[in-house]
């Protein structure tokens, strides 16, 4: 069986490959890594792994890359033009169908039907495209990466004594990227996941008040969660040097938290990998690492 992992130069794809090898003991010879620029994988993956070039905007490259592949981990590209992303994803789906791939594992968006985020529509459109092929699928509907919220920036917040967001009292079901990668590897290496959809979120979401309390406990410094408006959050990020377009994205993510879009829980992730990394452990690693 040949497994192809797209987005191999990214954090999710690269970690999924490592998890296939280390956790699930899939032989390196059965794994194929896809990258738009294969040179970026030099020295980052075992030499036994075959590397193929493929660009979502170049259907010919995908047709060649998908030859003799059984299972495909399809991680969508990061382009901010959502209409273009739909077109790129359609190229991938059609190439997979034409190549005779037997199982598509697609990383989508958790509870996409409930979301007001434009990117959720991209993922839903891609899921429906995959269904049209008749190929067995598994939809791994990922949360926002927890790495967005528990990142090195948290150290600066601890120093200031405040985590500032426009998330209000909203609950956060986000999972850290390495746990999502483990879940993808579990499906790629396992059996019985055909035509299933999994919402890969926490079974017990947390709040930013809880994040502040956890940061206080681990750092030994008093840290509070300060709630601000959308416009105040955007202005703070821009004043800190973030481009306005990106500040709008981050303030929008926090707004989705405030609106309850990240509050739904599920046990799907626990069933695939067991208990995901606890918030307290990630905060510890971030602050002390």
Protein backbone atom coordinates (compact mmCIF):
# COMPACT_ATOMS: atom_id res chain seq x y z
CA UNK A 1 0.00 0.00 0.00
CA UNK A 2 1.28 3.44 -0.96
CA UNK A 3 0.29 6.46 1.13
CA UNK A 4 0.77 9.97 -0.27
CA UNK A 5 0.83 12.95 2.08
CA UNK A 6 0.29 16.36 0.52
CA UNK A 7 1.61 19.54 2.09
CA UNK A 8 4.66 17.64 3.29
CA UNK A 9 6.65 20.84 3.86
CA UNK A 10 3.97 22.18 6.21
CA UNK A 11 3.56 21.56 9.90
CA UNK A 12 0.53 19.27 9.61
CA UNK A 13 1.76 17.19 6.68
CA UNK A 14 5.31 16.88 7.96
CA UNK A 15 4.18 15.85 11.43
CA UNK A 16 1.71 13.34 9.97
CA UNK A 17 4.57 11.70 8.06
CA UNK A 18 6.67 11.50 11.22
CA UNK A 19 3.74 10.02 13.12
CA UNK A 20 3.20 7.39 10.41
CA UNK A 21 6.81 6.29 10.82
CA UNK A 22 7.22 6.59 14.59
CA UNK A 23 3.81 5.91 16.10
CA UNK A 24 2.24 3.56 13.58
CA UNK A 25 5.46 1.98 12.26
CA UNK A 26 4.53 2.34 8.60
CA UNK A 27 7.60 1.46 6.51
CA UNK A 28 9.17 4.54 4.96
CA UNK A 29 9.09 2.83 1.56
CA UNK A 30 5.27 2.94 1.67
CA UNK A 31 5.12 6.71 2.23
CA UNK A 32 5.26 9.33 -0.52
CA UNK A 33 5.66 13.03 0.25
CA UNK A 34 4.19 15.67 -2.05
CA UNK A 35 5.61 19.17 -2.17
CA UNK A 36 5.33 22.09 -4.55
CA UNK A 37 9.06 22.63 -3.98
CA UNK A 38 10.63 19.22 -3.20
CA UNK A 39 13.94 20.90 -2.39
CA UNK A 40 12.43 22.17 0.86
CA UNK A 41 12.21 18.58 2.12
CA UNK A 42 15.93 17.94 1.79
CA UNK A 43 17.23 16.64 5.10
CA UNK A 44 13.81 16.89 6.76
CA UNK A 45 12.48 13.40 6.05
CA UNK A 46 14.12 9.96 5.81
CA UNK A 47 15.87 9.26 2.53
CA UNK A 48 13.72 6.15 2.01
CA UNK A 49 10.62 8.29 1.54
CA UNK A 50 9.86 9.07 -2.09
CA UNK A 51 9.34 12.75 -2.79
CA UNK A 52 7.14 13.88 -5.66
CA UNK A 53 6.53 17.36 -7.03
CA UNK A 54 2.97 18.60 -7.25
CA UNK A 55 1.25 21.98 -7.45
CA UNK A 56 -2.49 22.33 -6.79
CA UNK A 57 -2.67 24.89 -9.61
CA UNK A 58 -1.00 22.50 -12.07
CA UNK A 59 -3.28 19.51 -12.82
CA UNK A 60 -0.58 17.86 -14.94
CA UNK A 61 1.82 17.71 -12.01
CA UNK A 62 -0.89 16.16 -9.83
CA UNK A 63 -1.75 13.51 -12.42
CA UNK A 64 1.89 12.43 -12.42
CA UNK A 65 2.29 12.63 -8.64
CA UNK A 66 -0.80 10.54 -7.87
CA UNK A 67 0.26 7.56 -10.00
CA UNK A 68 0.11 4.20 -8.13
CA UNK A 69 -1.14 5.77 -4.88
CA UNK A 70 -3.65 3.93 -2.68
CA UNK A 71 -4.39 6.39 0.13
CA UNK A 72 -4.19 10.16 -0.16
CA UNK A 73 -3.95 12.62 2.73
CA UNK A 74 -5.29 15.77 1.11
CA UNK A 75 -4.34 18.89 3.09
CA UNK A 76 -5.76 21.97 1.35
CA UNK A 77 -3.45 24.83 0.45
CA UNK A 78 -3.15 28.07 2.43
CA UNK A 79 -4.11 30.57 -0.29
CA UNK A 80 -6.25 33.40 1.10
CA UNK A 81 -8.29 33.68 -2.11
CA UNK A 82 -11.11 31.31 -1.22
CA UNK A 83 -12.47 31.10 -4.75
CA UNK A 84 -9.01 30.11 -5.98
CA UNK A 85 -8.79 27.53 -3.20
CA UNK A 86 -11.99 25.89 -4.45
CA UNK A 87 -10.48 25.65 -7.93
CA UNK A 88 -7.20 24.25 -6.57
CA UNK A 89 -9.04 21.69 -4.47
CA UNK A 90 -11.09 20.65 -7.48
CA UNK A 91 -7.84 19.99 -9.35
CA UNK A 92 -6.69 17.69 -6.56
CA UNK A 93 -10.00 15.82 -6.37
CA UNK A 94 -10.19 15.28 -10.12
CA UNK A 95 -6.58 14.12 -10.29
CA UNK A 96 -7.21 11.66 -7.45
CA UNK A 97 -10.26 10.28 -9.23
CA UNK A 98 -8.49 9.96 -12.56
CA UNK A 99 -5.47 8.27 -10.94
CA UNK A 100 -7.66 5.62 -9.31
CA UNK A 101 -6.79 6.48 -5.72
CA UNK A 102 -8.72 4.17 -3.42
CA UNK A 103 -9.22 6.34 -0.33
CA UNK A 104 -9.13 10.13 0.14
CA UNK A 105 -8.54 11.50 3.63
CA UNK A 106 -9.36 15.21 3.60
CA UNK A 107 -8.58 17.70 6.36
CA UNK A 108 -11.55 20.04 6.54
CA UNK A 109 -13.16 22.30 9.15
CA UNK A 110 -14.95 21.22 12.31
CA UNK A 111 -18.72 21.74 12.38
CA UNK A 112 -18.42 23.60 9.09
CA UNK A 113 -22.19 23.77 8.55
CA UNK A 114 -22.52 25.98 11.64
CA UNK A 115 -19.61 28.29 10.87
CA UNK A 116 -19.88 31.79 9.41
CA UNK A 117 -16.22 31.73 8.36
CA UNK A 118 -15.75 31.97 4.56
CA UNK A 119 -13.16 29.21 4.73
CA UNK A 120 -15.81 26.80 6.03
CA UNK A 121 -17.62 27.11 2.70
CA UNK A 122 -14.41 26.11 0.90
CA UNK A 123 -14.14 22.94 2.98
CA UNK A 124 -17.80 22.03 2.52
CA UNK A 125 -17.50 22.52 -1.24
CA UNK A 126 -14.44 20.25 -1.28
CA UNK A 127 -16.20 17.56 0.74
CA UNK A 128 -19.07 17.54 -1.75
CA UNK A 129 -16.62 17.35 -4.65
CA UNK A 130 -14.97 14.32 -3.08
CA UNK A 131 -18.36 12.66 -2.66
CA UNK A 132 -19.03 13.05 -6.40
CA UNK A 133 -16.08 10.78 -7.23
CA UNK A 134 -17.49 7.72 -5.50
CA UNK A 135 -14.10 7.17 -3.87
CA UNK A 136 -14.23 6.11 -0.21
CA UNK A 137 -13.40 9.14 1.93
CA UNK A 138 -12.65 10.18 5.47
CA UNK A 139 -13.29 13.79 6.42
CA UNK A 140 -11.03 14.91 9.25
CA UNK A 141 -12.80 18.10 10.26
CA UNK A 142 -10.10 19.95 12.15
CA UNK A 143 -10.57 22.72 14.65
CA UNK A 144 -8.54 25.91 14.52
CA UNK A 145 -5.00 24.98 15.48
CA UNK A 146 -4.48 25.42 19.20
CA UNK A 147 -1.02 26.65 18.23
CA UNK A 148 -2.68 29.94 17.24
CA UNK A 149 -3.62 30.59 20.85
CA UNK A 150 -0.88 28.87 22.83
CA UNK A 151 2.19 30.10 20.98
CA UNK A 152 5.46 31.84 21.86
CA UNK A 153 3.45 35.07 22.00
CA UNK A 154 2.03 33.74 25.27
CA UNK A 155 5.36 34.51 26.92
CA UNK A 156 4.90 38.18 26.07
CA UNK A 157 1.38 38.09 27.49
CA UNK A 158 2.71 36.63 30.73
CA UNK A 159 5.32 39.37 30.95
CA UNK A 160 2.57 41.99 30.49
CA UNK A 161 0.31 40.18 32.92
CA UNK A 162 -2.56 40.10 30.45
CA UNK A 163 -3.93 37.97 27.62
CA UNK A 164 -5.97 40.40 25.53
CA UNK A 165 -8.65 39.11 23.15
CA UNK A 166 -12.08 39.95 21.80
CA UNK A 167 -13.22 36.37 22.52
CA UNK A 168 -15.37 37.31 25.53
CA UNK A 169 -16.43 34.27 27.54
CA UNK A 170 -16.44 32.00 24.50
CA UNK A 171 -15.24 28.44 24.82
CA UNK A 172 -12.42 27.08 22.67
CA UNK A 173 -12.37 23.52 21.31
CA UNK A 174 -9.10 23.93 19.43
CA UNK A 175 -6.64 21.07 19.14
CA UNK A 176 -2.90 21.37 18.73
CA UNK A 177 -1.52 20.60 15.31
CA UNK A 178 0.58 17.64 16.41
CA UNK A 179 -2.53 15.88 17.78
CA UNK A 180 -4.39 16.52 14.53
CA UNK A 181 -1.41 15.07 12.65
CA UNK A 182 -1.52 11.99 14.87
CA UNK A 183 -5.21 11.57 14.06
CA UNK A 184 -4.50 11.82 10.33
CA UNK A 185 -1.77 9.19 10.64
CA UNK A 186 -4.10 6.92 12.62
CA UNK A 187 -6.62 6.97 9.77
CA UNK A 188 -3.97 6.56 7.07
CA UNK A 189 -2.46 3.55 8.84
CA UNK A 190 -5.72 2.06 10.10
CA UNK A 191 -8.83 0.37 8.78
CA UNK A 192 -12.56 0.94 9.03
CA UNK A 193 -12.63 4.70 8.46
CA UNK A 194 -14.19 4.70 5.02
CA UNK A 195 -17.02 7.19 4.45
CA UNK A 196 -16.73 8.63 7.95
CA UNK A 197 -16.61 12.25 9.12
CA UNK A 198 -14.79 13.11 12.33
CA UNK A 199 -14.96 16.44 14.13
CA UNK A 200 -11.49 16.66 15.65
CA UNK A 201 -12.03 18.99 18.57
CA UNK A 202 -11.63 18.77 22.33
CA UNK A 203 -14.17 16.87 24.40
CA UNK A 204 -13.85 19.62 27.04
CA UNK A 205 -13.37 23.11 25.52
CA UNK A 206 -11.61 25.82 27.53
CA UNK A 207 -11.94 29.59 27.90
CA UNK A 208 -9.33 32.33 27.77
CA UNK A 209 -9.99 32.94 31.46
CA UNK A 210 -8.86 29.35 32.03
CA UNK A 211 -5.85 29.89 29.80
CA UNK A 212 -4.88 32.93 31.87
CA UNK A 213 -5.27 30.97 35.12
CA UNK A 214 -3.16 28.13 33.72
CA UNK A 215 -0.46 30.58 32.60
CA UNK A 216 -0.51 32.15 36.08
CA UNK A 217 -0.11 28.77 37.75
CA UNK A 218 2.80 27.68 35.58
CA UNK A 219 4.63 31.01 35.40
CA UNK A 220 4.09 32.04 39.00
CA UNK A 221 2.97 35.47 37.76
CA UNK A 222 -0.51 36.92 37.89
CA UNK A 223 -2.02 36.82 34.40
CA UNK A 224 -5.52 38.06 33.61
CA UNK A 225 -7.69 37.70 30.53
CA UNK A 226 -8.70 41.17 29.34
CA UNK A 227 -11.69 41.28 27.01
CA UNK A 228 -11.84 44.04 24.37
CA UNK A 229 -13.97 44.85 21.34
CA UNK A 230 -13.27 43.66 17.80
CA UNK A 231 -12.05 47.11 16.74
CA UNK A 232 -9.84 47.45 19.83
CA UNK A 233 -8.30 44.05 19.18
CA UNK A 234 -7.63 44.87 15.54
CA UNK A 235 -6.06 48.21 16.45
CA UNK A 236 -3.84 46.61 19.09
CA UNK A 237 -2.54 44.04 16.63
CA UNK A 238 -1.89 46.66 13.95
CA UNK A 239 -0.10 48.88 16.46
CA UNK A 240 2.06 45.88 17.38
CA UNK A 241 3.21 45.66 13.76
CA UNK A 242 0.80 43.11 12.29
CA UNK A 243 -0.50 43.86 8.77
CA UNK A 244 -4.11 45.04 8.89
CA UNK A 245 -5.31 42.15 6.71
CA UNK A 246 -3.84 39.63 9.13
CA UNK A 247 -5.09 41.59 12.16
CA UNK A 248 -8.59 41.27 10.71
CA UNK A 249 -8.14 37.51 10.44
CA UNK A 250 -7.05 37.13 14.07
CA UNK A 251 -9.75 39.45 15.40
CA UNK A 252 -12.23 37.48 13.30
CA UNK A 253 -11.09 34.20 14.82
CA UNK A 254 -11.53 35.61 18.31
CA UNK A 255 -14.96 36.90 17.28
CA UNK A 256 -15.95 33.40 16.18
CA UNK A 257 -14.95 32.19 19.65
CA UNK A 258 -17.11 34.90 21.25
CA UNK A 259 -20.03 33.90 19.01
CA UNK A 260 -19.88 30.29 20.16
CA UNK A 261 -18.56 28.81 16.92
CA UNK A 262 -15.71 26.99 18.71
CA UNK A 263 -17.73 25.69 21.66
CA UNK A 264 -19.00 22.37 20.29
CA UNK A 265 -17.34 19.31 21.74
CA UNK A 266 -16.75 15.81 20.34
CA UNK A 267 -15.10 12.56 21.41
CA UNK A 268 -13.99 11.70 17.85
CA UNK A 269 -10.38 12.70 18.45
CA UNK A 270 -10.19 10.69 21.68
CA UNK A 271 -11.41 7.62 19.84
CA UNK A 272 -8.68 8.00 17.22
CA UNK A 273 -5.62 8.83 19.35
CA UNK A 274 -6.66 8.66 22.98
CA UNK A 275 -6.40 11.74 25.18
CA UNK A 276 -5.00 14.74 23.27
CA UNK A 277 -2.28 16.89 24.81
CA UNK A 278 -3.82 18.79 27.77
CA UNK A 279 -3.90 22.57 27.73
CA UNK A 280 -1.78 22.72 30.87
CA UNK A 281 0.98 20.66 29.28
CA UNK A 282 1.07 22.81 26.16
CA UNK A 283 1.21 25.98 28.24
CA UNK A 284 4.05 24.46 30.28
CA UNK A 285 6.03 23.55 27.17
CA UNK A 286 5.42 26.98 25.64
CA UNK A 287 6.48 28.95 28.70
CA UNK A 288 9.34 26.74 29.82
CA UNK A 289 10.59 25.45 26.48
